[in-house]
Amino acid sequence: MVPEDDDDLVICRCEEITKGEIKQAIRNGMRTLNGIKRITRAGMGLCQGQTCQRLVSQILASELGIPLSEVTPTTARAPVRPLKLSAFATG
């Protein structure tokens, strides 16, 4: 569980996003995990949200006054890596 009064608490260690930054995104109109992710980058680091998504979900549910079960998980995507153009040509 996330302490209620500690806005300086780092929630997303990969991107160094604090609880206060997440709460500010919610106050600015973000109502989904994907919205918070887009605005704050929470969940976009090396772990792709595996470490922080549950904490961000708890903060979102608490701030909106909704059950945690109503928070929709983020859209999972495979990591992207650069490819040389020759890889497309040779198929």
C-alpha atoms as a PDB file:
ATOM      1  CA  MET A   1       0.000   0.000   0.000  1.00  0.00           C
ATOM      2  CA  VAL A   2       1.201   3.523  -0.811  1.00  0.00           C
ATOM      3  CA  PRO A   3       1.416   5.993   2.124  1.00  0.00           C
ATOM      4  CA  GLU A   4      -1.231   8.717   1.695  1.00  0.00           C
ATOM      5  CA  ASP A   5       0.761  11.796   2.704  1.00  0.00           C
ATOM      6  CA  ASP A   6       4.112  11.292   0.970  1.00  0.00           C
ATOM      7  CA  ASP A   7       4.049  13.077  -2.405  1.00  0.00           C
ATOM      8  CA  ASP A   8       7.864  12.851  -2.638  1.00  0.00           C
ATOM      9  CA  LEU A   9       7.757   9.045  -2.601  1.00  0.00           C
ATOM     10  CA  VAL A  10       9.223   7.630  -5.836  1.00  0.00           C
ATOM     11  CA  ILE A  11       6.643   5.288  -7.363  1.00  0.00           C
ATOM     12  CA  CYS A  12       8.287   4.537 -10.720  1.00  0.00           C
ATOM     13  CA  ARG A  13      11.962   3.881 -10.036  1.00  0.00           C
ATOM     14  CA  CYS A  14      12.912   3.487 -13.703  1.00  0.00           C
ATOM     15  CA  GLU A  15      11.652   6.968 -14.646  1.00  0.00           C
ATOM     16  CA  GLU A  16      11.934   8.520 -11.135  1.00  0.00           C
ATOM     17  CA  ILE A  17       8.260   9.549 -11.035  1.00  0.00           C
ATOM     18  CA  THR A  18       6.872  10.562  -7.644  1.00  0.00           C
ATOM     19  CA  LYS A  19       3.464  10.036  -6.113  1.00  0.00           C
ATOM     20  CA  GLY A  20       2.942  13.799  -6.298  1.00  0.00           C
ATOM     21  CA  GLU A  21       3.542  13.818 -10.066  1.00  0.00           C
ATOM     22  CA  ILE A  22       1.007  11.033 -10.536  1.00  0.00           C
ATOM     23  CA  LYS A  23      -1.556  12.841  -8.381  1.00  0.00           C
ATOM     24  CA  GLN A  24      -0.971  16.039 -10.373  1.00  0.00           C
ATOM     25  CA  ALA A  25      -1.617  14.164 -13.637  1.00  0.00           C
ATOM     26  CA  ILE A  26      -4.916  12.924 -12.179  1.00  0.00           C
ATOM     27  CA  ARG A  27      -5.835  16.461 -11.073  1.00  0.00           C
ATOM     28  CA  ASN A  28      -5.054  17.588 -14.627  1.00  0.00           C
ATOM     29  CA  GLY A  29      -7.635  15.170 -16.025  1.00  0.00           C
ATOM     30  CA  MET A  30      -5.937  11.814 -16.515  1.00  0.00           C
ATOM     31  CA  ARG A  31      -8.412   9.045 -15.641  1.00  0.00           C
ATOM     32  CA  THR A  32      -6.620   5.932 -16.921  1.00  0.00           C
ATOM     33  CA  LEU A  33      -3.273   4.227 -16.426  1.00  0.00           C
ATOM     34  CA  ASN A  34      -2.475   4.794 -20.100  1.00  0.00           C
ATOM     35  CA  GLY A  35      -3.189   8.512 -19.686  1.00  0.00           C
ATOM     36  CA  ILE A  36      -0.947   8.755 -16.641  1.00  0.00           C
ATOM     37  CA  LYS A  37       1.735   6.798 -18.485  1.00  0.00           C
ATOM     38  CA  ARG A  38       1.606   9.206 -21.455  1.00  0.00           C
ATOM     39  CA  ILE A  39       1.843  12.321 -19.296  1.00  0.00           C
ATOM     40  CA  THR A  40       4.338  11.190 -16.635  1.00  0.00           C
ATOM     41  CA  ARG A  41       6.237   8.297 -18.308  1.00  0.00           C
ATOM     42  CA  ALA A  42       5.458   6.108 -15.260  1.00  0.00           C
ATOM     43  CA  GLY A  43       5.696   2.534 -16.521  1.00  0.00           C
ATOM     44  CA  MET A  44       7.771   3.378 -19.602  1.00  0.00           C
ATOM     45  CA  GLY A  45      11.146   2.469 -18.140  1.00  0.00           C
ATOM     46  CA  LEU A  46      13.180  -0.700 -18.287  1.00  0.00           C
ATOM     47  CA  CYS A  47      10.628  -2.777 -16.341  1.00  0.00           C
ATOM     48  CA  GLN A  48       7.705  -1.594 -18.521  1.00  0.00           C
ATOM     49  CA  GLY A  49       5.532  -1.047 -15.442  1.00  0.00           C
ATOM     50  CA  GLN A  50       6.050  -4.458 -13.865  1.00  0.00           C
ATOM     51  CA  THR A  51       7.342  -2.763 -10.719  1.00  0.00           C
ATOM     52  CA  CYS A  52       5.122   0.329 -10.500  1.00  0.00           C
ATOM     53  CA  GLN A  53       1.846  -0.389 -12.307  1.00  0.00           C
ATOM     54  CA  ARG A  54       0.107  -1.750  -9.209  1.00  0.00           C
ATOM     55  CA  LEU A  55       1.184   1.272  -7.142  1.00  0.00           C
ATOM     56  CA  VAL A  56       0.027   3.710  -9.834  1.00  0.00           C
ATOM     57  CA  SER A  57      -3.276   1.804 -10.017  1.00  0.00           C
ATOM     58  CA  GLN A  58      -3.741   2.152  -6.250  1.00  0.00           C
ATOM     59  CA  ILE A  59      -3.073   5.897  -6.401  1.00  0.00           C
ATOM     60  CA  LEU A  60      -5.482   6.325  -9.330  1.00  0.00           C
ATOM     61  CA  ALA A  61      -8.244   4.363  -7.585  1.00  0.00           C
ATOM     62  CA  SER A  62      -7.726   6.285  -4.350  1.00  0.00           C
ATOM     63  CA  GLU A  63      -7.714   9.712  -6.014  1.00  0.00           C
ATOM     64  CA  LEU A  64     -10.814   8.952  -8.120  1.00  0.00           C
ATOM     65  CA  GLY A  65     -12.637   7.172  -5.292  1.00  0.00           C
ATOM     66  CA  ILE A  66     -13.202   4.022  -7.336  1.00  0.00           C
ATOM     67  CA  PRO A  67     -12.519   0.350  -6.579  1.00  0.00           C
ATOM     68  CA  LEU A  68      -9.111  -0.924  -7.674  1.00  0.00           C
ATOM     69  CA  SER A  69     -10.918  -3.523  -9.813  1.00  0.00           C
ATOM     70  CA  GLU A  70     -12.237  -0.699 -12.044  1.00  0.00           C
ATOM     71  CA  VAL A  71      -8.743   0.488 -13.016  1.00  0.00           C
ATOM     72  CA  THR A  72      -7.940  -0.907 -16.464  1.00  0.00           C
ATOM     73  CA  PRO A  73      -4.352  -2.177 -16.897  1.00  0.00           C
ATOM     74  CA  THR A  74      -2.080  -0.487 -19.414  1.00  0.00           C
ATOM     75  CA  THR A  75      -1.701  -1.837 -22.915  1.00  0.00           C
ATOM     76  CA  ALA A  76       1.294  -4.166 -22.928  1.00  0.00           C
ATOM     77  CA  ARG A  77       3.647  -3.820 -25.859  1.00  0.00           C
ATOM     78  CA  ALA A  78       6.798  -5.713 -26.706  1.00  0.00           C
ATOM     79  CA  PRO A  79      10.037  -3.726 -26.457  1.00  0.00           C
ATOM     80  CA  VAL A  80      11.139  -2.214 -29.747  1.00  0.00           C
ATOM     81  CA  ARG A  81      14.677  -2.499 -31.039  1.00  0.00           C
ATOM     82  CA  PRO A  82      16.194  -0.795 -34.081  1.00  0.00           C
ATOM     83  CA  LEU A  83      16.683  -2.807 -37.258  1.00  0.00           C
ATOM     84  CA  LYS A  84      18.931  -2.111 -40.205  1.00  0.00           C
ATOM     85  CA  LEU A  85      17.097  -1.376 -43.451  1.00  0.00           C
ATOM     86  CA  SER A  86      18.924  -4.306 -45.028  1.00  0.00           C
ATOM     87  CA  ALA A  87      16.967  -6.636 -42.731  1.00  0.00           C
ATOM     88  CA  PHE A  88      13.772  -5.616 -44.527  1.00  0.00           C
ATOM     89  CA  ALA A  89      15.321  -6.012 -47.974  1.00  0.00           C
ATOM     90  CA  THR A  90      16.553  -9.551 -47.359  1.00  0.00           C
ATOM     91  CA  GLY A  91      13.312 -10.546 -45.651  1.00  0.00           C
END
